[in-house]
C-alpha cells in the first residue's frame, strides 16, 4: 500500500483525527425519495430513501462536501460512505448488483478530496479508510427466540460479501480498511479472514482498523464479549489499530479504552457518539462538552486515533482536533 509508510510515520508523531458522522451530516440536506433515486434510479421498483450509500452515485456532490468539511475541521482520516456497502445490507433495497460500484465510487470520492488537501499542504498527509459496517445479520445469535440454533447468515456468506466490498474499496483508492461498529465478533472475523485473503492474493500489507461497539452498561458487545475478550478475538492479525465506536458517549467509553490500551500492542482508536441519545433519538452533546470528556483519554495516554460517531459534526471534530494537538499519542512498541 503506497501510503502505509506515511501513515505509520504520522501515527508515531501525533494523535490522528478520524472524521465524524456521515449520517448526521446527510440529514441536514433533507433528501427525499427522488433525491436518493436521482435520474439513474428514478424508475427503481423499490423504495430507496434511507440508503445513504446510494448517495455516492446519485448525490456525489453532497458526499464530497461532507468529506471536505471534515478535512477543513482537521481530520486526517476520512471514512468512505460505505457503512452498508455489502450485498447483505443492500438486499434491503434489492441493489446487490451495485455493491462493487458503490464501494469503488465512494472510495474515489474520498480519495479525490484527500488528494486536493494534500496538494494544498503536502506536509499533512490525509488518508482514506474504507468503511466496512457489521451488516444487518449476526453470525453468532439466532434472530428467532423459538429456535436458538437458527442463524440468518453463515460465515462463508459473510466472507464473500466482505471480500467483494474490500476489493472495491481498495481499487477505489482506500489506504486503510476499517471494520467498524462490530457487535458480533464472528462477523468481524469473517471480514478479517476476507481481508487476509486479499493480502495474500495481491501480495500487499493492508493497514486494518478494527472497531467494536459496547452495547450497554454491562460493558459487553451484543454477542456477549467483554472488551478484553474482544481484543483477544481479533488479535491474530497484524492490525493497525483496535478500538471502540458508537453506542456510548465519550465518558462511558473510558474504562473499555483503558482495557485496550493496557493490553494491546496495536494502536488504539476511539470515536464515541456525541453523548447518549435523548428521548427523540437526538444527540445533544456540544463540541466543547465532548472535547472536555476526551481530555481524559489523552491525559491518560489511551489513544492514537480519535474521531466521532453518531451526532458528531465538523464542529465536534474541530474541537477534538484542537484539544489533542497539545498531547502525545499513546506509546506503541512497533513505533518506538
C-alpha atoms as a PDB file:
ATOM      1  CA  UNK A   1       0.000   0.000   0.000  1.00  0.00           C
ATOM      2  CA  UNK A   2       1.661   3.197  -1.225  1.00  0.00           C
ATOM      3  CA  UNK A   3       0.708   5.473   1.701  1.00  0.00           C
ATOM      4  CA  UNK A   4       1.380   2.991   4.515  1.00  0.00           C
ATOM      5  CA  UNK A   5       4.805   4.392   5.405  1.00  0.00           C
ATOM      6  CA  UNK A   6       3.347   7.901   5.687  1.00  0.00           C
ATOM      7  CA  UNK A   7       0.510   6.560   7.823  1.00  0.00           C
ATOM      8  CA  UNK A   8       2.787   4.809  10.317  1.00  0.00           C
ATOM      9  CA  UNK A   9       5.076   7.831  10.451  1.00  0.00           C
ATOM     10  CA  UNK A  10       2.138  10.144  11.200  1.00  0.00           C
ATOM     11  CA  UNK A  11       0.875   7.783  13.931  1.00  0.00           C
ATOM     12  CA  UNK A  12       4.288   7.746  15.579  1.00  0.00           C
ATOM     13  CA  UNK A  13       4.317  11.546  15.738  1.00  0.00           C
ATOM     14  CA  UNK A  14       0.820  12.574  16.779  1.00  0.00           C
ATOM     15  CA  UNK A  15      -2.731  11.549  17.556  1.00  0.00           C
ATOM     16  CA  UNK A  16      -4.574  11.208  14.239  1.00  0.00           C
ATOM     17  CA  UNK A  17      -8.060  12.611  13.781  1.00  0.00           C
ATOM     18  CA  UNK A  18     -10.781  10.467  12.242  1.00  0.00           C
ATOM     19  CA  UNK A  19     -13.798  12.259  10.781  1.00  0.00           C
ATOM     20  CA  UNK A  20     -17.279  12.468  12.345  1.00  0.00           C
ATOM     21  CA  UNK A  21     -20.713  11.137  11.429  1.00  0.00           C
ATOM     22  CA  UNK A  22     -21.735  10.939   7.777  1.00  0.00           C
ATOM     23  CA  UNK A  23     -25.430  10.221   8.512  1.00  0.00           C
ATOM     24  CA  UNK A  24     -25.761  13.198  10.855  1.00  0.00           C
ATOM     25  CA  UNK A  25     -24.431  15.487   8.143  1.00  0.00           C
ATOM     26  CA  UNK A  26     -26.570  13.989   5.376  1.00  0.00           C
ATOM     27  CA  UNK A  27     -29.717  14.586   7.435  1.00  0.00           C
ATOM     28  CA  UNK A  28     -29.069  18.309   7.009  1.00  0.00           C
ATOM     29  CA  UNK A  29     -29.713  18.012   3.271  1.00  0.00           C
ATOM     30  CA  UNK A  30     -33.264  16.714   3.915  1.00  0.00           C
ATOM     31  CA  UNK A  31     -33.064  14.447   0.884  1.00  0.00           C
ATOM     32  CA  UNK A  32     -36.369  12.881  -0.205  1.00  0.00           C
ATOM     33  CA  UNK A  33     -37.070   9.720  -2.207  1.00  0.00           C
ATOM     34  CA  UNK A  34     -36.485  11.448  -5.570  1.00  0.00           C
ATOM     35  CA  UNK A  35     -33.142  12.825  -4.357  1.00  0.00           C
ATOM     36  CA  UNK A  36     -31.967   9.361  -3.378  1.00  0.00           C
ATOM     37  CA  UNK A  37     -33.103   7.999  -6.756  1.00  0.00           C
ATOM     38  CA  UNK A  38     -31.581  10.694  -8.945  1.00  0.00           C
ATOM     39  CA  UNK A  39     -32.038  10.356 -12.674  1.00  0.00           C
ATOM     40  CA  UNK A  40     -30.451   6.934 -12.884  1.00  0.00           C
ATOM     41  CA  UNK A  41     -32.798   5.184 -10.441  1.00  0.00           C
ATOM     42  CA  UNK A  42     -35.983   7.198 -10.990  1.00  0.00           C
ATOM     43  CA  UNK A  43     -37.865   4.078 -12.128  1.00  0.00           C
ATOM     44  CA  UNK A  44     -36.416   1.689  -9.497  1.00  0.00           C
ATOM     45  CA  UNK A  45     -39.193  -0.658  -8.375  1.00  0.00           C
ATOM     46  CA  UNK A  46     -38.425  -0.417  -4.654  1.00  0.00           C
ATOM     47  CA  UNK A  47     -38.159   2.498  -2.193  1.00  0.00           C
ATOM     48  CA  UNK A  48     -34.561   3.673  -1.683  1.00  0.00           C
ATOM     49  CA  UNK A  49     -34.889   6.590   0.744  1.00  0.00           C
ATOM     50  CA  UNK A  50     -32.509   5.972   3.639  1.00  0.00           C
ATOM     51  CA  UNK A  51     -29.927   4.168   1.517  1.00  0.00           C
ATOM     52  CA  UNK A  52     -27.141   6.644   2.278  1.00  0.00           C
ATOM     53  CA  UNK A  53     -24.535   4.597   0.404  1.00  0.00           C
ATOM     54  CA  UNK A  54     -26.526   5.134  -2.807  1.00  0.00           C
ATOM     55  CA  UNK A  55     -25.950   8.897  -2.490  1.00  0.00           C
ATOM     56  CA  UNK A  56     -22.361   8.315  -3.614  1.00  0.00           C
ATOM     57  CA  UNK A  57     -23.882   7.629  -7.049  1.00  0.00           C
ATOM     58  CA  UNK A  58     -26.895   9.963  -7.062  1.00  0.00           C
ATOM     59  CA  UNK A  59     -25.686  12.935  -4.934  1.00  0.00           C
ATOM     60  CA  UNK A  60     -21.882  12.682  -5.059  1.00  0.00           C
ATOM     61  CA  UNK A  61     -21.520  16.456  -4.554  1.00  0.00           C
ATOM     62  CA  UNK A  62     -23.100  16.117  -1.081  1.00  0.00           C
ATOM     63  CA  UNK A  63     -20.747  13.297  -0.066  1.00  0.00           C
ATOM     64  CA  UNK A  64     -17.798  15.314  -1.357  1.00  0.00           C
ATOM     65  CA  UNK A  65     -18.975  18.377   0.572  1.00  0.00           C
ATOM     66  CA  UNK A  66     -19.264  16.447   3.846  1.00  0.00           C
ATOM     67  CA  UNK A  67     -15.771  14.978   3.380  1.00  0.00           C
ATOM     68  CA  UNK A  68     -14.364  18.423   2.644  1.00  0.00           C
ATOM     69  CA  UNK A  69     -15.918  19.919   5.801  1.00  0.00           C
ATOM     70  CA  UNK A  70     -14.319  17.228   7.952  1.00  0.00           C
ATOM     71  CA  UNK A  71     -10.889  17.774   6.415  1.00  0.00           C
ATOM     72  CA  UNK A  72     -11.266  21.520   6.938  1.00  0.00           C
ATOM     73  CA  UNK A  73     -12.096  20.767  10.596  1.00  0.00           C
ATOM     74  CA  UNK A  74      -8.764  18.947  10.973  1.00  0.00           C
ATOM     75  CA  UNK A  75      -9.468  15.313  10.109  1.00  0.00           C
ATOM     76  CA  UNK A  76      -6.514  13.190   8.994  1.00  0.00           C
ATOM     77  CA  UNK A  77      -8.599  10.145   8.059  1.00  0.00           C
ATOM     78  CA  UNK A  78     -11.816  10.157   6.007  1.00  0.00           C
ATOM     79  CA  UNK A  79     -14.219   7.218   6.181  1.00  0.00           C
ATOM     80  CA  UNK A  80     -15.849   6.226   2.911  1.00  0.00           C
ATOM     81  CA  UNK A  81     -19.630   6.416   2.617  1.00  0.00           C
ATOM     82  CA  UNK A  82     -19.964   2.611   2.577  1.00  0.00           C
ATOM     83  CA  UNK A  83     -21.214   1.561   6.012  1.00  0.00           C
ATOM     84  CA  UNK A  84     -23.909  -0.635   4.410  1.00  0.00           C
ATOM     85  CA  UNK A  85     -21.948  -1.481   1.274  1.00  0.00           C
ATOM     86  CA  UNK A  86     -22.354  -5.258   1.254  1.00  0.00           C
ATOM     87  CA  UNK A  87     -24.702  -7.472  -0.752  1.00  0.00           C
ATOM     88  CA  UNK A  88     -26.200  -8.499   2.618  1.00  0.00           C
ATOM     89  CA  UNK A  89     -27.206  -4.963   3.635  1.00  0.00           C
ATOM     90  CA  UNK A  90     -28.054  -3.832   0.084  1.00  0.00           C
ATOM     91  CA  UNK A  91     -30.556  -6.688  -0.232  1.00  0.00           C
ATOM     92  CA  UNK A  92     -32.972  -4.438   1.702  1.00  0.00           C
ATOM     93  CA  UNK A  93     -33.115  -2.217  -1.397  1.00  0.00           C
ATOM     94  CA  UNK A  94     -32.683  -5.031  -3.974  1.00  0.00           C
ATOM     95  CA  UNK A  95     -29.411  -3.378  -5.005  1.00  0.00           C
ATOM     96  CA  UNK A  96     -26.939  -6.213  -4.518  1.00  0.00           C
ATOM     97  CA  UNK A  97     -25.660  -5.804  -8.084  1.00  0.00           C
ATOM     98  CA  UNK A  98     -24.455  -2.272  -7.315  1.00  0.00           C
ATOM     99  CA  UNK A  99     -22.152  -3.220  -4.442  1.00  0.00           C
ATOM    100  CA  UNK A 100     -18.831  -3.084  -6.286  1.00  0.00           C
ATOM    101  CA  UNK A 101     -19.688   0.240  -7.926  1.00  0.00           C
ATOM    102  CA  UNK A 102     -20.971   1.788  -4.671  1.00  0.00           C
ATOM    103  CA  UNK A 103     -17.768   0.984  -2.811  1.00  0.00           C
ATOM    104  CA  UNK A 104     -15.459   1.863  -5.693  1.00  0.00           C
ATOM    105  CA  UNK A 105     -17.100   5.253  -6.328  1.00  0.00           C
ATOM    106  CA  UNK A 106     -17.330   6.088  -2.615  1.00  0.00           C
ATOM    107  CA  UNK A 107     -13.617   5.419  -2.179  1.00  0.00           C
ATOM    108  CA  UNK A 108     -12.861   7.515  -5.278  1.00  0.00           C
ATOM    109  CA  UNK A 109     -14.793  10.495  -3.879  1.00  0.00           C
ATOM    110  CA  UNK A 110     -12.927  10.352  -0.548  1.00  0.00           C
ATOM    111  CA  UNK A 111      -9.602   9.850  -2.368  1.00  0.00           C
ATOM    112  CA  UNK A 112     -10.220  12.884  -4.609  1.00  0.00           C
ATOM    113  CA  UNK A 113     -10.950  15.188  -1.649  1.00  0.00           C
ATOM    114  CA  UNK A 114      -7.956  13.880   0.332  1.00  0.00           C
ATOM    115  CA  UNK A 115      -5.650  14.417  -2.632  1.00  0.00           C
ATOM    116  CA  UNK A 116      -6.907  18.004  -3.014  1.00  0.00           C
ATOM    117  CA  UNK A 117      -5.974  18.757   0.591  1.00  0.00           C
ATOM    118  CA  UNK A 118      -2.610  17.004   0.312  1.00  0.00           C
ATOM    119  CA  UNK A 119      -1.808  19.133  -2.750  1.00  0.00           C
ATOM    120  CA  UNK A 120      -2.520  22.270  -0.693  1.00  0.00           C
ATOM    121  CA  UNK A 121      -0.402  21.070   2.249  1.00  0.00           C
ATOM    122  CA  UNK A 122       1.975  18.195   1.396  1.00  0.00           C
ATOM    123  CA  UNK A 123       3.291  18.193   4.977  1.00  0.00           C
ATOM    124  CA  UNK A 124      -0.067  16.956   6.278  1.00  0.00           C
ATOM    125  CA  UNK A 125      -0.973  13.646   4.628  1.00  0.00           C
ATOM    126  CA  UNK A 126      -4.656  12.637   4.596  1.00  0.00           C
ATOM    127  CA  UNK A 127      -5.838   9.048   4.432  1.00  0.00           C
ATOM    128  CA  UNK A 128      -8.922   7.204   3.183  1.00  0.00           C
ATOM    129  CA  UNK A 129     -10.399   4.487   5.421  1.00  0.00           C
ATOM    130  CA  UNK A 130     -12.738   2.110   3.616  1.00  0.00           C
ATOM    131  CA  UNK A 131     -15.711   1.753   5.965  1.00  0.00           C
ATOM    132  CA  UNK A 132     -16.911  -1.835   6.431  1.00  0.00           C
ATOM    133  CA  UNK A 133     -20.037  -1.989   8.585  1.00  0.00           C
ATOM    134  CA  UNK A 134     -21.313  -5.011  10.519  1.00  0.00           C
ATOM    135  CA  UNK A 135     -24.229  -5.860   8.151  1.00  0.00           C
ATOM    136  CA  UNK A 136     -27.760  -6.306   9.496  1.00  0.00           C
ATOM    137  CA  UNK A 137     -27.255 -10.010  10.239  1.00  0.00           C
ATOM    138  CA  UNK A 138     -25.457 -11.767  13.074  1.00  0.00           C
ATOM    139  CA  UNK A 139     -23.495 -14.988  12.718  1.00  0.00           C
ATOM    140  CA  UNK A 140     -23.409 -15.734  16.464  1.00  0.00           C
ATOM    141  CA  UNK A 141     -27.023 -15.237  17.521  1.00  0.00           C
ATOM    142  CA  UNK A 142     -30.405 -16.506  16.424  1.00  0.00           C
ATOM    143  CA  UNK A 143     -32.949 -13.897  15.322  1.00  0.00           C
ATOM    144  CA  UNK A 144     -35.693 -16.376  16.306  1.00  0.00           C
ATOM    145  CA  UNK A 145     -36.296 -16.713  20.069  1.00  0.00           C
ATOM    146  CA  UNK A 146     -38.093 -20.002  19.437  1.00  0.00           C
ATOM    147  CA  UNK A 147     -35.109 -21.525  17.614  1.00  0.00           C
ATOM    148  CA  UNK A 148     -31.821 -20.684  19.363  1.00  0.00           C
ATOM    149  CA  UNK A 149     -29.808 -22.780  16.899  1.00  0.00           C
ATOM    150  CA  UNK A 150     -31.027 -20.901  13.822  1.00  0.00           C
ATOM    151  CA  UNK A 151     -28.673 -18.472  12.023  1.00  0.00           C
ATOM    152  CA  UNK A 152     -29.770 -15.930   9.415  1.00  0.00           C
ATOM    153  CA  UNK A 153     -26.292 -15.867   7.828  1.00  0.00           C
ATOM    154  CA  UNK A 154     -23.266 -18.144   7.512  1.00  0.00           C
ATOM    155  CA  UNK A 155     -19.582 -17.329   7.950  1.00  0.00           C
ATOM    156  CA  UNK A 156     -18.992 -18.169   4.283  1.00  0.00           C
ATOM    157  CA  UNK A 157     -21.729 -15.800   3.080  1.00  0.00           C
ATOM    158  CA  UNK A 158     -20.215 -13.027   5.195  1.00  0.00           C
ATOM    159  CA  UNK A 159     -16.708 -13.768   3.937  1.00  0.00           C
ATOM    160  CA  UNK A 160     -17.776 -13.500   0.297  1.00  0.00           C
ATOM    161  CA  UNK A 161     -19.712 -10.281   0.890  1.00  0.00           C
ATOM    162  CA  UNK A 162     -16.882  -8.639   2.816  1.00  0.00           C
ATOM    163  CA  UNK A 163     -14.315  -9.709   0.238  1.00  0.00           C
ATOM    164  CA  UNK A 164     -16.250  -8.078  -2.592  1.00  0.00           C
ATOM    165  CA  UNK A 165     -16.636  -4.870  -0.584  1.00  0.00           C
ATOM    166  CA  UNK A 166     -12.981  -4.787   0.498  1.00  0.00           C
ATOM    167  CA  UNK A 167     -11.644  -5.314  -3.027  1.00  0.00           C
ATOM    168  CA  UNK A 168     -13.771  -2.453  -4.365  1.00  0.00           C
ATOM    169  CA  UNK A 169     -12.691  -0.131  -1.541  1.00  0.00           C
ATOM    170  CA  UNK A 170      -9.029  -0.858  -2.270  1.00  0.00           C
ATOM    171  CA  UNK A 171      -9.495  -0.486  -6.025  1.00  0.00           C
ATOM    172  CA  UNK A 172     -11.124   2.920  -5.438  1.00  0.00           C
ATOM    173  CA  UNK A 173      -8.104   4.205  -3.524  1.00  0.00           C
ATOM    174  CA  UNK A 174      -8.551   3.361   0.179  1.00  0.00           C
ATOM    175  CA  UNK A 175      -5.370   3.437   2.290  1.00  0.00           C
ATOM    176  CA  UNK A 176      -6.936   1.616   5.257  1.00  0.00           C
ATOM    177  CA  UNK A 177      -9.757  -0.887   5.715  1.00  0.00           C
ATOM    178  CA  UNK A 178     -11.900  -0.115   8.769  1.00  0.00           C
ATOM    179  CA  UNK A 179     -14.018  -2.995  10.108  1.00  0.00           C
ATOM    180  CA  UNK A 180     -16.304  -0.991  12.353  1.00  0.00           C
ATOM    181  CA  UNK A 181     -19.233  -0.958  14.781  1.00  0.00           C
ATOM    182  CA  UNK A 182     -18.670  -4.640  15.488  1.00  0.00           C
ATOM    183  CA  UNK A 183     -21.478  -6.051  17.587  1.00  0.00           C
ATOM    184  CA  UNK A 184     -20.735  -9.678  16.674  1.00  0.00           C
ATOM    185  CA  UNK A 185     -17.070 -10.669  16.598  1.00  0.00           C
ATOM    186  CA  UNK A 186     -17.806 -13.642  14.343  1.00  0.00           C
ATOM    187  CA  UNK A 187     -18.973 -11.236  11.652  1.00  0.00           C
ATOM    188  CA  UNK A 188     -15.749  -9.274  12.117  1.00  0.00           C
ATOM    189  CA  UNK A 189     -13.662 -12.432  11.873  1.00  0.00           C
ATOM    190  CA  UNK A 190     -15.298 -13.172   8.510  1.00  0.00           C
ATOM    191  CA  UNK A 191     -14.303  -9.679   7.340  1.00  0.00           C
ATOM    192  CA  UNK A 192     -10.748 -10.107   8.635  1.00  0.00           C
ATOM    193  CA  UNK A 193     -10.491 -13.529   7.001  1.00  0.00           C
ATOM    194  CA  UNK A 194     -11.569 -11.993   3.677  1.00  0.00           C
ATOM    195  CA  UNK A 195      -9.092  -9.098   4.016  1.00  0.00           C
ATOM    196  CA  UNK A 196      -6.293 -11.514   4.838  1.00  0.00           C
ATOM    197  CA  UNK A 197      -7.137 -13.481   1.688  1.00  0.00           C
ATOM    198  CA  UNK A 198      -6.812 -10.277  -0.348  1.00  0.00           C
ATOM    199  CA  UNK A 199      -3.440  -9.522   1.283  1.00  0.00           C
ATOM    200  CA  UNK A 200      -2.203 -12.944   0.229  1.00  0.00           C
ATOM    201  CA  UNK A 201      -3.653 -12.812  -3.286  1.00  0.00           C
ATOM    202  CA  UNK A 202      -2.396  -9.299  -4.038  1.00  0.00           C
ATOM    203  CA  UNK A 203       0.880  -9.601  -2.134  1.00  0.00           C
ATOM    204  CA  UNK A 204       0.204  -6.459  -0.121  1.00  0.00           C
ATOM    205  CA  UNK A 205       0.011  -5.433   3.537  1.00  0.00           C
ATOM    206  CA  UNK A 206      -3.255  -3.616   4.235  1.00  0.00           C
ATOM    207  CA  UNK A 207      -3.476  -1.326   7.290  1.00  0.00           C
ATOM    208  CA  UNK A 208      -6.528  -2.682   9.111  1.00  0.00           C
ATOM    209  CA  UNK A 209      -8.505  -0.816  11.771  1.00  0.00           C
ATOM    210  CA  UNK A 210     -10.920  -2.815  13.918  1.00  0.00           C
ATOM    211  CA  UNK A 211     -13.568  -1.038  15.986  1.00  0.00           C
ATOM    212  CA  UNK A 212     -16.098  -2.809  18.189  1.00  0.00           C
ATOM    213  CA  UNK A 213     -19.153  -1.437  19.910  1.00  0.00           C
ATOM    214  CA  UNK A 214     -20.087  -1.890  23.570  1.00  0.00           C
ATOM    215  CA  UNK A 215     -23.861  -2.055  23.524  1.00  0.00           C
ATOM    216  CA  UNK A 216     -24.860  -1.459  27.146  1.00  0.00           C
ATOM    217  CA  UNK A 217     -23.757  -0.758  30.709  1.00  0.00           C
ATOM    218  CA  UNK A 218     -22.623  -4.378  31.185  1.00  0.00           C
ATOM    219  CA  UNK A 219     -19.568  -3.486  29.108  1.00  0.00           C
ATOM    220  CA  UNK A 220     -20.092  -6.216  26.533  1.00  0.00           C
ATOM    221  CA  UNK A 221     -20.667  -6.426  22.806  1.00  0.00           C
ATOM    222  CA  UNK A 222     -24.047  -7.681  21.608  1.00  0.00           C
ATOM    223  CA  UNK A 223     -22.564 -11.167  21.163  1.00  0.00           C
ATOM    224  CA  UNK A 224     -21.507 -11.123  24.825  1.00  0.00           C
ATOM    225  CA  UNK A 225     -17.799 -10.345  24.823  1.00  0.00           C
ATOM    226  CA  UNK A 226     -16.009  -8.096  27.274  1.00  0.00           C
ATOM    227  CA  UNK A 227     -13.514  -5.553  25.930  1.00  0.00           C
ATOM    228  CA  UNK A 228     -10.619  -7.889  26.750  1.00  0.00           C
ATOM    229  CA  UNK A 229     -12.266 -10.906  25.101  1.00  0.00           C
ATOM    230  CA  UNK A 230     -12.995  -8.827  22.008  1.00  0.00           C
ATOM    231  CA  UNK A 231      -9.360  -7.747  21.827  1.00  0.00           C
ATOM    232  CA  UNK A 232      -8.087 -11.322  22.123  1.00  0.00           C
ATOM    233  CA  UNK A 233     -10.546 -12.475  19.423  1.00  0.00           C
ATOM    234  CA  UNK A 234      -9.228 -10.080  16.788  1.00  0.00           C
ATOM    235  CA  UNK A 235      -5.528 -10.007  17.705  1.00  0.00           C
ATOM    236  CA  UNK A 236      -4.494 -12.881  15.432  1.00  0.00           C
ATOM    237  CA  UNK A 237      -3.917 -10.413  12.581  1.00  0.00           C
ATOM    238  CA  UNK A 238      -1.313  -7.666  12.490  1.00  0.00           C
ATOM    239  CA  UNK A 239      -3.740  -4.765  12.921  1.00  0.00           C
ATOM    240  CA  UNK A 240      -3.089  -1.065  12.586  1.00  0.00           C
ATOM    241  CA  UNK A 241      -5.488  -0.316  15.430  1.00  0.00           C
ATOM    242  CA  UNK A 242      -8.172  -1.734  17.664  1.00  0.00           C
ATOM    243  CA  UNK A 243     -10.799   0.373  19.372  1.00  0.00           C
ATOM    244  CA  UNK A 244     -14.437   1.154  20.057  1.00  0.00           C
ATOM    245  CA  UNK A 245     -17.049   3.381  18.472  1.00  0.00           C
ATOM    246  CA  UNK A 246     -20.755   4.180  18.625  1.00  0.00           C
ATOM    247  CA  UNK A 247     -23.353   3.113  21.254  1.00  0.00           C
ATOM    248  CA  UNK A 248     -21.782   5.178  24.052  1.00  0.00           C
ATOM    249  CA  UNK A 249     -20.637   8.733  24.647  1.00  0.00           C
ATOM    250  CA  UNK A 250     -17.014   9.604  25.395  1.00  0.00           C
ATOM    251  CA  UNK A 251     -17.461   9.391  29.164  1.00  0.00           C
ATOM    252  CA  UNK A 252     -18.926   5.898  29.175  1.00  0.00           C
ATOM    253  CA  UNK A 253     -16.247   4.576  26.815  1.00  0.00           C
ATOM    254  CA  UNK A 254     -13.250   5.394  29.032  1.00  0.00           C
ATOM    255  CA  UNK A 255     -12.935   2.124  31.035  1.00  0.00           C
ATOM    256  CA  UNK A 256     -13.099  -0.002  27.886  1.00  0.00           C
ATOM    257  CA  UNK A 257     -10.409   2.056  26.180  1.00  0.00           C
ATOM    258  CA  UNK A 258      -8.263   1.620  29.298  1.00  0.00           C
ATOM    259  CA  UNK A 259      -8.604  -2.162  28.899  1.00  0.00           C
ATOM    260  CA  UNK A 260      -7.447  -1.968  25.274  1.00  0.00           C
ATOM    261  CA  UNK A 261      -4.631   0.487  25.986  1.00  0.00           C
ATOM    262  CA  UNK A 262      -3.209  -1.661  28.785  1.00  0.00           C
ATOM    263  CA  UNK A 263      -3.454  -4.968  26.931  1.00  0.00           C
ATOM    264  CA  UNK A 264      -2.836  -4.236  23.249  1.00  0.00           C
ATOM    265  CA  UNK A 265       0.316  -3.765  21.208  1.00  0.00           C
ATOM    266  CA  UNK A 266      -1.710  -2.132  18.427  1.00  0.00           C
ATOM    267  CA  UNK A 267      -2.702   1.496  18.176  1.00  0.00           C
ATOM    268  CA  UNK A 268      -5.960   2.304  19.997  1.00  0.00           C
ATOM    269  CA  UNK A 269      -8.805   4.178  18.309  1.00  0.00           C
ATOM    270  CA  UNK A 270     -11.997   5.707  19.659  1.00  0.00           C
ATOM    271  CA  UNK A 271     -14.877   7.513  18.037  1.00  0.00           C
ATOM    272  CA  UNK A 272     -17.739   7.847  20.500  1.00  0.00           C
ATOM    273  CA  UNK A 273     -21.179   9.326  19.940  1.00  0.00           C
ATOM    274  CA  UNK A 274     -21.975  12.903  20.946  1.00  0.00           C
ATOM    275  CA  UNK A 275     -23.281  11.618  24.289  1.00  0.00           C
ATOM    276  CA  UNK A 276     -26.250   9.282  24.690  1.00  0.00           C
ATOM    277  CA  UNK A 277     -29.393   9.860  22.599  1.00  0.00           C
ATOM    278  CA  UNK A 278     -32.256  11.856  24.148  1.00  0.00           C
ATOM    279  CA  UNK A 279     -35.922  10.780  24.136  1.00  0.00           C
ATOM    280  CA  UNK A 280     -36.178  11.778  20.464  1.00  0.00           C
ATOM    281  CA  UNK A 281     -33.058   9.894  19.385  1.00  0.00           C
ATOM    282  CA  UNK A 282     -31.077  13.122  19.002  1.00  0.00           C
ATOM    283  CA  UNK A 283     -27.577  13.773  20.331  1.00  0.00           C
ATOM    284  CA  UNK A 284     -27.226  16.870  22.493  1.00  0.00           C
ATOM    285  CA  UNK A 285     -23.570  16.934  23.499  1.00  0.00           C
ATOM    286  CA  UNK A 286     -21.862  20.089  22.259  1.00  0.00           C
ATOM    287  CA  UNK A 287     -18.375  20.103  20.691  1.00  0.00           C
ATOM    288  CA  UNK A 288     -16.906  21.640  23.868  1.00  0.00           C
ATOM    289  CA  UNK A 289     -18.614  19.107  26.145  1.00  0.00           C
ATOM    290  CA  UNK A 290     -17.370  16.202  24.047  1.00  0.00           C
ATOM    291  CA  UNK A 291     -13.820  17.547  23.838  1.00  0.00           C
ATOM    292  CA  UNK A 292     -13.765  18.046  27.625  1.00  0.00           C
ATOM    293  CA  UNK A 293     -14.537  14.349  28.109  1.00  0.00           C
ATOM    294  CA  UNK A 294     -11.956  13.248  25.552  1.00  0.00           C
ATOM    295  CA  UNK A 295      -9.351  15.193  27.527  1.00  0.00           C
ATOM    296  CA  UNK A 296      -9.340  12.231  29.951  1.00  0.00           C
ATOM    297  CA  UNK A 297      -8.291   9.884  27.107  1.00  0.00           C
ATOM    298  CA  UNK A 298      -5.278  11.976  26.191  1.00  0.00           C
ATOM    299  CA  UNK A 299      -4.245  12.823  29.738  1.00  0.00           C
ATOM    300  CA  UNK A 300      -4.160   9.088  30.483  1.00  0.00           C
ATOM    301  CA  UNK A 301      -2.348   8.340  27.209  1.00  0.00           C
ATOM    302  CA  UNK A 302      -5.031   5.933  25.978  1.00  0.00           C
ATOM    303  CA  UNK A 303      -5.402   6.726  22.274  1.00  0.00           C
ATOM    304  CA  UNK A 304      -3.655   7.048  18.916  1.00  0.00           C
ATOM    305  CA  UNK A 305      -6.703   7.783  16.724  1.00  0.00           C
ATOM    306  CA  UNK A 306      -9.749   9.808  17.781  1.00  0.00           C
ATOM    307  CA  UNK A 307     -12.928  10.858  15.966  1.00  0.00           C
ATOM    308  CA  UNK A 308     -16.684  10.982  16.325  1.00  0.00           C
ATOM    309  CA  UNK A 309     -19.650   8.718  15.613  1.00  0.00           C
ATOM    310  CA  UNK A 310     -23.416   9.408  15.810  1.00  0.00           C
ATOM    311  CA  UNK A 311     -24.379  13.029  16.342  1.00  0.00           C
ATOM    312  CA  UNK A 312     -20.899  14.421  15.685  1.00  0.00           C
ATOM    313  CA  UNK A 313     -20.264  17.202  13.174  1.00  0.00           C
ATOM    314  CA  UNK A 314     -17.266  19.127  11.791  1.00  0.00           C
ATOM    315  CA  UNK A 315     -17.596  21.424  14.814  1.00  0.00           C
ATOM    316  CA  UNK A 316     -17.092  18.434  17.139  1.00  0.00           C
ATOM    317  CA  UNK A 317     -14.090  17.224  15.130  1.00  0.00           C
ATOM    318  CA  UNK A 318     -12.547  20.720  15.152  1.00  0.00           C
ATOM    319  CA  UNK A 319     -12.868  20.947  18.954  1.00  0.00           C
ATOM    320  CA  UNK A 320     -11.358  17.473  19.394  1.00  0.00           C
ATOM    321  CA  UNK A 321      -8.514  18.184  16.937  1.00  0.00           C
ATOM    322  CA  UNK A 322      -7.602  21.408  18.729  1.00  0.00           C
ATOM    323  CA  UNK A 323      -7.588  19.631  22.096  1.00  0.00           C
ATOM    324  CA  UNK A 324      -5.478  16.586  21.173  1.00  0.00           C
ATOM    325  CA  UNK A 325      -2.945  18.647  19.238  1.00  0.00           C
ATOM    326  CA  UNK A 326      -1.377  19.502  22.603  1.00  0.00           C
ATOM    327  CA  UNK A 327      -0.917  15.859  23.637  1.00  0.00           C
ATOM    328  CA  UNK A 328       1.383  12.983  22.742  1.00  0.00           C
ATOM    329  CA  UNK A 329      -0.082   9.791  21.221  1.00  0.00           C
ATOM    330  CA  UNK A 330      -0.168   6.594  23.256  1.00  0.00           C
ATOM    331  CA  UNK A 331       3.187   4.830  23.027  1.00  0.00           C
ATOM    332  CA  UNK A 332       3.140   1.763  20.778  1.00  0.00           C
ATOM    333  CA  UNK A 333       6.024  -0.751  20.794  1.00  0.00           C
ATOM    334  CA  UNK A 334       6.085  -1.022  16.983  1.00  0.00           C
ATOM    335  CA  UNK A 335       6.828   2.700  16.693  1.00  0.00           C
ATOM    336  CA  UNK A 336       9.406   3.027  19.481  1.00  0.00           C
END
